[in-house]
Amino acid sequence: MAFVLEIFPAWLRYFFQPAMDVYFATLMWIRGPPRDVKKELDTRHDNIIKGYIEAVNMAREAQNGGYWPIRVTESGTFATVPNPDDPEAPVDFVDAIAKSVDFAMAKQYAPA
């Protein structure tokens, strides 16, 4: 803000300051008291992770014991599973999660 105001002479900045104070104080008053953003973000993050876990489990169950590139461990974390046909091939973690979510969405919203 100082960078923007330095182009004006000092006597004009003297009058800008109270006007800016009133403007920003009004904005803060309209927004209301600050909320607990960290708690809200943690809740959203947990909901996303729960959704991923549901998607991975749904996709693995639908394969009837066949190969699926990702699984949920006992501790609730994700682990990639090497392809039994090519164990040396790398498994892309993000791609496996995306495939699981796509599969779960298609299965959940498929017409009955």
C-alpha atoms as a PDB file:
ATOM      1  CA  MET A   1       0.000   0.000   0.000  1.00  0.00           C
ATOM      2  CA  ALA A   2       2.863   2.361   0.769  1.00  0.00           C
ATOM      3  CA  PHE A   3       4.175   1.794  -2.768  1.00  0.00           C
ATOM      4  CA  VAL A   4       0.873   2.972  -4.226  1.00  0.00           C
ATOM      5  CA  LEU A   5       0.591   5.999  -1.954  1.00  0.00           C
ATOM      6  CA  GLU A   6       4.167   7.234  -2.344  1.00  0.00           C
ATOM      7  CA  ILE A   7       3.308   8.732  -5.723  1.00  0.00           C
ATOM      8  CA  PHE A   8       1.135  11.288  -3.906  1.00  0.00           C
ATOM      9  CA  PRO A   9       2.570  14.241  -1.979  1.00  0.00           C
ATOM     10  CA  ALA A  10       2.711  14.039   1.818  1.00  0.00           C
ATOM     11  CA  TRP A  11      -0.100  16.551   2.378  1.00  0.00           C
ATOM     12  CA  LEU A  12      -2.469  14.408   0.246  1.00  0.00           C
ATOM     13  CA  ARG A  13      -1.447  11.179   2.012  1.00  0.00           C
ATOM     14  CA  TYR A  14      -2.338  12.913   5.260  1.00  0.00           C
ATOM     15  CA  PHE A  15      -5.960  13.006   4.099  1.00  0.00           C
ATOM     16  CA  PHE A  16      -5.925   9.495   2.572  1.00  0.00           C
ATOM     17  CA  GLN A  17      -5.004   7.794   5.829  1.00  0.00           C
ATOM     18  CA  PRO A  18      -8.228   8.459   7.809  1.00  0.00           C
ATOM     19  CA  ALA A  19     -10.350   7.571   4.779  1.00  0.00           C
ATOM     20  CA  MET A  20      -8.529   4.264   4.377  1.00  0.00           C
ATOM     21  CA  ASP A  21      -8.931   3.534   8.076  1.00  0.00           C
ATOM     22  CA  VAL A  22     -12.680   4.054   7.845  1.00  0.00           C
ATOM     23  CA  TYR A  23     -12.881   1.960   4.664  1.00  0.00           C
ATOM     24  CA  PHE A  24     -10.933  -1.022   6.023  1.00  0.00           C
ATOM     25  CA  ALA A  25     -12.559  -0.849   9.465  1.00  0.00           C
ATOM     26  CA  THR A  26     -15.955  -1.057   7.759  1.00  0.00           C
ATOM     27  CA  LEU A  27     -14.839  -4.059   5.729  1.00  0.00           C
ATOM     28  CA  MET A  28     -13.619  -5.825   8.866  1.00  0.00           C
ATOM     29  CA  TRP A  29     -16.893  -5.042  10.635  1.00  0.00           C
ATOM     30  CA  ILE A  30     -18.951  -6.446   7.727  1.00  0.00           C
ATOM     31  CA  ARG A  31     -16.936  -9.665   7.599  1.00  0.00           C
ATOM     32  CA  GLY A  32     -17.582 -10.306  11.264  1.00  0.00           C
ATOM     33  CA  PRO A  33     -15.316 -11.897  13.831  1.00  0.00           C
ATOM     34  CA  PRO A  34     -12.612 -14.210  12.534  1.00  0.00           C
ATOM     35  CA  ARG A  35     -13.534 -17.880  12.575  1.00  0.00           C
ATOM     36  CA  ASP A  36     -11.339 -20.847  13.302  1.00  0.00           C
ATOM     37  CA  VAL A  37      -9.996 -21.387   9.796  1.00  0.00           C
ATOM     38  CA  LYS A  38      -7.476 -24.061  10.825  1.00  0.00           C
ATOM     39  CA  LYS A  39     -10.182 -26.235  12.372  1.00  0.00           C
ATOM     40  CA  GLU A  40     -12.399 -25.786   9.321  1.00  0.00           C
ATOM     41  CA  LEU A  41      -9.567 -26.721   6.939  1.00  0.00           C
ATOM     42  CA  ASP A  42      -8.676 -29.788   9.018  1.00  0.00           C
ATOM     43  CA  THR A  43     -12.302 -30.932   8.879  1.00  0.00           C
ATOM     44  CA  ARG A  44     -12.414 -30.483   5.108  1.00  0.00           C
ATOM     45  CA  HIS A  45      -9.119 -32.359   4.724  1.00  0.00           C
ATOM     46  CA  ASP A  46     -10.400 -35.258   6.827  1.00  0.00           C
ATOM     47  CA  ASN A  47     -13.573 -35.434   4.729  1.00  0.00           C
ATOM     48  CA  ILE A  48     -11.528 -35.596   1.522  1.00  0.00           C
ATOM     49  CA  ILE A  49      -9.314 -38.374   2.906  1.00  0.00           C
ATOM     50  CA  LYS A  50     -12.391 -40.344   4.031  1.00  0.00           C
ATOM     51  CA  GLY A  51     -13.798 -40.006   0.527  1.00  0.00           C
ATOM     52  CA  TYR A  52     -10.539 -41.276  -0.986  1.00  0.00           C
ATOM     53  CA  ILE A  53     -10.529 -44.253   1.367  1.00  0.00           C
ATOM     54  CA  GLU A  54     -14.125 -45.096   0.447  1.00  0.00           C
ATOM     55  CA  ALA A  55     -13.311 -44.816  -3.262  1.00  0.00           C
ATOM     56  CA  VAL A  56     -10.239 -47.056  -3.020  1.00  0.00           C
ATOM     57  CA  ASN A  57     -12.102 -49.673  -0.990  1.00  0.00           C
ATOM     58  CA  MET A  58     -15.070 -49.604  -3.378  1.00  0.00           C
ATOM     59  CA  ALA A  59     -12.794 -50.026  -6.399  1.00  0.00           C
ATOM     60  CA  ARG A  60     -10.858 -52.909  -4.815  1.00  0.00           C
ATOM     61  CA  GLU A  61     -14.047 -54.716  -3.814  1.00  0.00           C
ATOM     62  CA  ALA A  62     -15.431 -54.353  -7.335  1.00  0.00           C
ATOM     63  CA  GLN A  63     -12.360 -56.089  -8.771  1.00  0.00           C
ATOM     64  CA  ASN A  64     -13.323 -59.312  -6.906  1.00  0.00           C
ATOM     65  CA  GLY A  65      -9.821 -59.957  -5.649  1.00  0.00           C
ATOM     66  CA  GLY A  66      -8.205 -58.853  -8.908  1.00  0.00           C
ATOM     67  CA  TYR A  67      -5.419 -56.324  -9.255  1.00  0.00           C
ATOM     68  CA  TRP A  68      -5.964 -52.710  -8.230  1.00  0.00           C
ATOM     69  CA  PRO A  69      -2.965 -50.327  -8.108  1.00  0.00           C
ATOM     70  CA  ILE A  70      -3.634 -48.925  -4.624  1.00  0.00           C
ATOM     71  CA  ARG A  71      -4.918 -50.162  -1.291  1.00  0.00           C
ATOM     72  CA  VAL A  72      -5.685 -48.878   2.191  1.00  0.00           C
ATOM     73  CA  THR A  73      -3.432 -50.328   4.879  1.00  0.00           C
ATOM     74  CA  GLU A  74      -4.457 -51.421   8.382  1.00  0.00           C
ATOM     75  CA  SER A  75      -3.336 -48.053   9.758  1.00  0.00           C
ATOM     76  CA  GLY A  76      -5.550 -46.175   7.277  1.00  0.00           C
ATOM     77  CA  THR A  77      -2.801 -44.951   4.961  1.00  0.00           C
ATOM     78  CA  PHE A  78      -2.524 -45.566   1.227  1.00  0.00           C
ATOM     79  CA  ALA A  79      -0.024 -47.954  -0.318  1.00  0.00           C
ATOM     80  CA  THR A  80       0.638 -48.750  -3.957  1.00  0.00           C
ATOM     81  CA  VAL A  81       0.507 -52.364  -5.120  1.00  0.00           C
ATOM     82  CA  PRO A  82       2.896 -53.525  -7.845  1.00  0.00           C
ATOM     83  CA  ASN A  83       1.331 -55.051 -10.933  1.00  0.00           C
ATOM     84  CA  PRO A  84       1.631 -58.862 -10.741  1.00  0.00           C
ATOM     85  CA  ASP A  85       2.246 -59.016 -14.516  1.00  0.00           C
ATOM     86  CA  ASP A  86       5.109 -56.493 -14.351  1.00  0.00           C
ATOM     87  CA  PRO A  87       6.387 -56.064 -10.767  1.00  0.00           C
ATOM     88  CA  GLU A  88       9.209 -53.735 -11.870  1.00  0.00           C
ATOM     89  CA  ALA A  89       6.848 -51.178 -13.446  1.00  0.00           C
ATOM     90  CA  PRO A  90       6.333 -48.092 -11.287  1.00  0.00           C
ATOM     91  CA  VAL A  91       2.854 -47.382  -9.942  1.00  0.00           C
ATOM     92  CA  ASP A  92       1.750 -43.745 -10.093  1.00  0.00           C
ATOM     93  CA  PHE A  93       0.163 -42.942  -6.728  1.00  0.00           C
ATOM     94  CA  VAL A  94      -1.849 -39.932  -7.897  1.00  0.00           C
ATOM     95  CA  ASP A  95      -3.087 -41.742 -10.997  1.00  0.00           C
ATOM     96  CA  ALA A  96      -4.197 -44.703  -8.863  1.00  0.00           C
ATOM     97  CA  ILE A  97      -6.171 -42.423  -6.525  1.00  0.00           C
ATOM     98  CA  ALA A  98      -7.743 -40.657  -9.519  1.00  0.00           C
ATOM     99  CA  LYS A  99      -8.754 -43.982 -11.103  1.00  0.00           C
ATOM    100  CA  SER A 100     -10.301 -45.087  -7.819  1.00  0.00           C
ATOM    101  CA  VAL A 101     -12.307 -41.892  -7.480  1.00  0.00           C
ATOM    102  CA  ASP A 102     -13.438 -42.070 -11.118  1.00  0.00           C
ATOM    103  CA  PHE A 103     -14.472 -45.696 -10.676  1.00  0.00           C
ATOM    104  CA  ALA A 104     -16.375 -44.973  -7.467  1.00  0.00           C
ATOM    105  CA  MET A 105     -18.145 -41.979  -8.994  1.00  0.00           C
ATOM    106  CA  ALA A 106     -19.154 -43.983 -12.080  1.00  0.00           C
ATOM    107  CA  LYS A 107     -20.409 -46.847  -9.926  1.00  0.00           C
ATOM    108  CA  GLN A 108     -22.229 -44.589  -7.470  1.00  0.00           C
ATOM    109  CA  TYR A 109     -23.979 -42.510 -10.116  1.00  0.00           C
ATOM    110  CA  ALA A 110     -24.565 -45.254 -12.703  1.00  0.00           C
ATOM    111  CA  PRO A 111     -28.198 -45.623 -13.732  1.00  0.00           C
ATOM    112  CA  ALA A 112     -29.841 -48.581 -12.047  1.00  0.00           C
END
